[in-house]
Every structure is written in structure tokens, then in C-alpha cells.
Amino acid sequence: MQWEKVILSESLVAELDKIFQRITQNEKAVIIQLAQTDKPVTLHQIDKILELSTSDLLNAIQSLKRRLLLDIKQEDKTTYFSLNLVWKLFICV
């Protein structure tokens, strides 16, 4: 990844922090998990790692999707989820 080329300004970090503080614990768990992956993952892969009920996981995914916090890609009838680089940097730093 080209992490070293992305600089997060203080104002951007403050805005991302506001958003992050408003989301639920389940949504935070999904975001943190996605931030730690190098490639897009399926719902099944997220489910295997997180200790959430199926309904809690689906609700978290739907909410993050509505808030436009997930990057979603369809390939061969499979849906893959990831975070964009800015969110990854914010979570991992």
C-alpha cells in the first residue's frame, strides 16, 4: 500500500474522529477488522473473525453502508467489503 504518501490533516482527523465516536460498538468492530486486512473480504470472512450475532453483524454492515463508510465490490456473485485508505490510516495510526 502507499500509506506513506497519504497525509491526514488535523481537521480531517478531527472529522473522522467525530464520525467514529458516533457509530456503534458493532460498527467499530467491523471497521477495525476491515482496517487490519490487506484485501477486500466477504461477509463470511468477517463473521468468522468477529464474535457478533448474525443479525448484529448484518445491522452493522447495513448501517456502515448507509453512512458510506464501506467500499463494496461485487465479483462473480460475491460481495467484498473494504475500507478506503483514509479510514485505514485513521484506524491504524
C-alpha atoms as a PDB file:
ATOM      1  CA  MET A   1       0.000   0.000   0.000  1.00  0.00           C
ATOM      2  CA  GLN A   2       1.039   3.571  -0.465  1.00  0.00           C
ATOM      3  CA  TRP A   3       0.311   4.626   3.112  1.00  0.00           C
ATOM      4  CA  GLU A   4       3.380   6.787   3.391  1.00  0.00           C
ATOM      5  CA  LYS A   5       2.083   9.050   0.601  1.00  0.00           C
ATOM      6  CA  VAL A   6      -1.163   9.917   2.399  1.00  0.00           C
ATOM      7  CA  ILE A   7      -1.153  12.679   4.991  1.00  0.00           C
ATOM      8  CA  LEU A   8      -4.168  13.200   7.216  1.00  0.00           C
ATOM      9  CA  SER A   9      -4.611  16.833   8.228  1.00  0.00           C
ATOM     10  CA  GLU A  10      -5.638  17.688  11.774  1.00  0.00           C
ATOM     11  CA  SER A  11      -9.043  18.870  10.595  1.00  0.00           C
ATOM     12  CA  LEU A  12      -9.653  15.634   8.676  1.00  0.00           C
ATOM     13  CA  VAL A  13      -8.599  13.539  11.671  1.00  0.00           C
ATOM     14  CA  ALA A  14     -10.984  15.569  13.857  1.00  0.00           C
ATOM     15  CA  GLU A  15     -13.874  14.938  11.433  1.00  0.00           C
ATOM     16  CA  LEU A  16     -13.110  11.231  11.161  1.00  0.00           C
ATOM     17  CA  ASP A  17     -12.933  11.021  14.944  1.00  0.00           C
ATOM     18  CA  LYS A  18     -16.375  12.665  15.270  1.00  0.00           C
ATOM     19  CA  ILE A  19     -17.841  10.115  12.871  1.00  0.00           C
ATOM     20  CA  PHE A  20     -16.077   7.220  14.588  1.00  0.00           C
ATOM     21  CA  GLN A  21     -17.335   8.296  18.024  1.00  0.00           C
ATOM     22  CA  ARG A  22     -20.961   8.318  16.784  1.00  0.00           C
ATOM     23  CA  ILE A  23     -21.046   4.785  15.427  1.00  0.00           C
ATOM     24  CA  THR A  24     -21.994   1.725  17.475  1.00  0.00           C
ATOM     25  CA  GLN A  25     -19.560  -0.709  19.066  1.00  0.00           C
ATOM     26  CA  ASN A  26     -20.523  -3.341  16.477  1.00  0.00           C
ATOM     27  CA  GLU A  27     -19.835  -0.910  13.634  1.00  0.00           C
ATOM     28  CA  LYS A  28     -16.479  -0.026  15.220  1.00  0.00           C
ATOM     29  CA  ALA A  29     -15.611  -3.729  15.443  1.00  0.00           C
ATOM     30  CA  VAL A  30     -16.331  -4.170  11.712  1.00  0.00           C
ATOM     31  CA  ILE A  31     -14.329  -1.068  10.757  1.00  0.00           C
ATOM     32  CA  ILE A  32     -11.369  -2.082  12.899  1.00  0.00           C
ATOM     33  CA  GLN A  33     -11.400  -5.574  11.417  1.00  0.00           C
ATOM     34  CA  LEU A  34     -11.526  -4.219   7.868  1.00  0.00           C
ATOM     35  CA  ALA A  35      -8.711  -1.774   8.639  1.00  0.00           C
ATOM     36  CA  GLN A  36      -6.499  -4.708   9.586  1.00  0.00           C
ATOM     37  CA  THR A  37      -6.977  -6.571   6.311  1.00  0.00           C
ATOM     38  CA  ASP A  38      -4.884  -6.007   3.202  1.00  0.00           C
ATOM     39  CA  LYS A  39      -7.558  -7.057   0.743  1.00  0.00           C
ATOM     40  CA  PRO A  40     -11.358  -6.911   0.494  1.00  0.00           C
ATOM     41  CA  VAL A  41     -13.169  -9.609   2.481  1.00  0.00           C
ATOM     42  CA  THR A  42     -16.542 -11.314   2.309  1.00  0.00           C
ATOM     43  CA  LEU A  43     -19.262 -11.146   4.926  1.00  0.00           C
ATOM     44  CA  HIS A  44     -18.500 -14.767   5.791  1.00  0.00           C
ATOM     45  CA  GLN A  45     -14.846 -13.912   6.458  1.00  0.00           C
ATOM     46  CA  ILE A  46     -15.835 -11.031   8.744  1.00  0.00           C
ATOM     47  CA  ASP A  47     -18.348 -13.256  10.520  1.00  0.00           C
ATOM     48  CA  LYS A  48     -15.702 -15.921  11.225  1.00  0.00           C
ATOM     49  CA  ILE A  49     -13.461 -13.381  12.968  1.00  0.00           C
ATOM     50  CA  LEU A  50     -15.899 -11.192  14.886  1.00  0.00           C
ATOM     51  CA  GLU A  51     -17.929 -12.538  17.758  1.00  0.00           C
ATOM     52  CA  LEU A  52     -21.201 -10.907  16.746  1.00  0.00           C
ATOM     53  CA  SER A  53     -24.567 -12.479  16.156  1.00  0.00           C
ATOM     54  CA  THR A  54     -25.559 -12.690  12.509  1.00  0.00           C
ATOM     55  CA  SER A  55     -28.221 -10.015  12.974  1.00  0.00           C
ATOM     56  CA  ASP A  56     -25.796  -7.655  14.767  1.00  0.00           C
ATOM     57  CA  LEU A  57     -23.238  -8.119  12.001  1.00  0.00           C
ATOM     58  CA  LEU A  58     -25.780  -7.538   9.236  1.00  0.00           C
ATOM     59  CA  ASN A  59     -27.145  -4.454  11.020  1.00  0.00           C
ATOM     60  CA  ALA A  60     -23.629  -3.059  11.421  1.00  0.00           C
ATOM     61  CA  ILE A  61     -22.809  -3.678   7.749  1.00  0.00           C
ATOM     62  CA  GLN A  62     -26.079  -2.073   6.604  1.00  0.00           C
ATOM     63  CA  SER A  63     -25.524   0.972   8.811  1.00  0.00           C
ATOM     64  CA  LEU A  64     -21.943   1.435   7.638  1.00  0.00           C
ATOM     65  CA  LYS A  65     -23.154   1.027   4.056  1.00  0.00           C
ATOM     66  CA  ARG A  66     -25.814   3.731   4.565  1.00  0.00           C
ATOM     67  CA  ARG A  67     -23.176   6.043   6.062  1.00  0.00           C
ATOM     68  CA  LEU A  68     -20.918   5.380   3.026  1.00  0.00           C
ATOM     69  CA  LEU A  69     -18.117   4.116   5.282  1.00  0.00           C
ATOM     70  CA  LEU A  70     -17.581   0.858   3.387  1.00  0.00           C
ATOM     71  CA  ASP A  71     -16.193   0.219  -0.051  1.00  0.00           C
ATOM     72  CA  ILE A  72     -18.297  -2.566  -1.582  1.00  0.00           C
ATOM     73  CA  LYS A  73     -17.392  -4.546  -4.674  1.00  0.00           C
ATOM     74  CA  GLN A  74     -19.290  -7.344  -6.467  1.00  0.00           C
ATOM     75  CA  GLU A  75     -17.351 -10.084  -8.231  1.00  0.00           C
ATOM     76  CA  ASP A  76     -18.892 -13.293  -9.543  1.00  0.00           C
ATOM     77  CA  LYS A  77     -21.968 -13.075  -7.286  1.00  0.00           C
ATOM     78  CA  THR A  78     -19.772 -12.457  -4.234  1.00  0.00           C
ATOM     79  CA  THR A  79     -19.744  -9.183  -2.295  1.00  0.00           C
ATOM     80  CA  TYR A  80     -16.458  -7.909  -0.908  1.00  0.00           C
ATOM     81  CA  PHE A  81     -16.067  -5.239   1.758  1.00  0.00           C
ATOM     82  CA  SER A  82     -13.131  -2.963   2.484  1.00  0.00           C
ATOM     83  CA  LEU A  83     -12.236   0.441   3.874  1.00  0.00           C
ATOM     84  CA  ASN A  84     -10.715   3.201   1.835  1.00  0.00           C
ATOM     85  CA  LEU A  85      -7.134   4.210   2.540  1.00  0.00           C
ATOM     86  CA  VAL A  86      -8.047   7.313   4.559  1.00  0.00           C
ATOM     87  CA  TRP A  87     -10.149   5.302   7.015  1.00  0.00           C
ATOM     88  CA  LYS A  88      -7.465   2.599   7.236  1.00  0.00           C
ATOM     89  CA  LEU A  89      -4.866   5.220   8.098  1.00  0.00           C
ATOM     90  CA  PHE A  90      -7.115   6.831  10.680  1.00  0.00           C
ATOM     91  CA  ILE A  91      -7.851   3.497  12.402  1.00  0.00           C
ATOM     92  CA  CYS A  92      -4.352   2.056  12.235  1.00  0.00           C
ATOM     93  CA  VAL A  93      -2.389   5.114  13.325  1.00  0.00           C
END
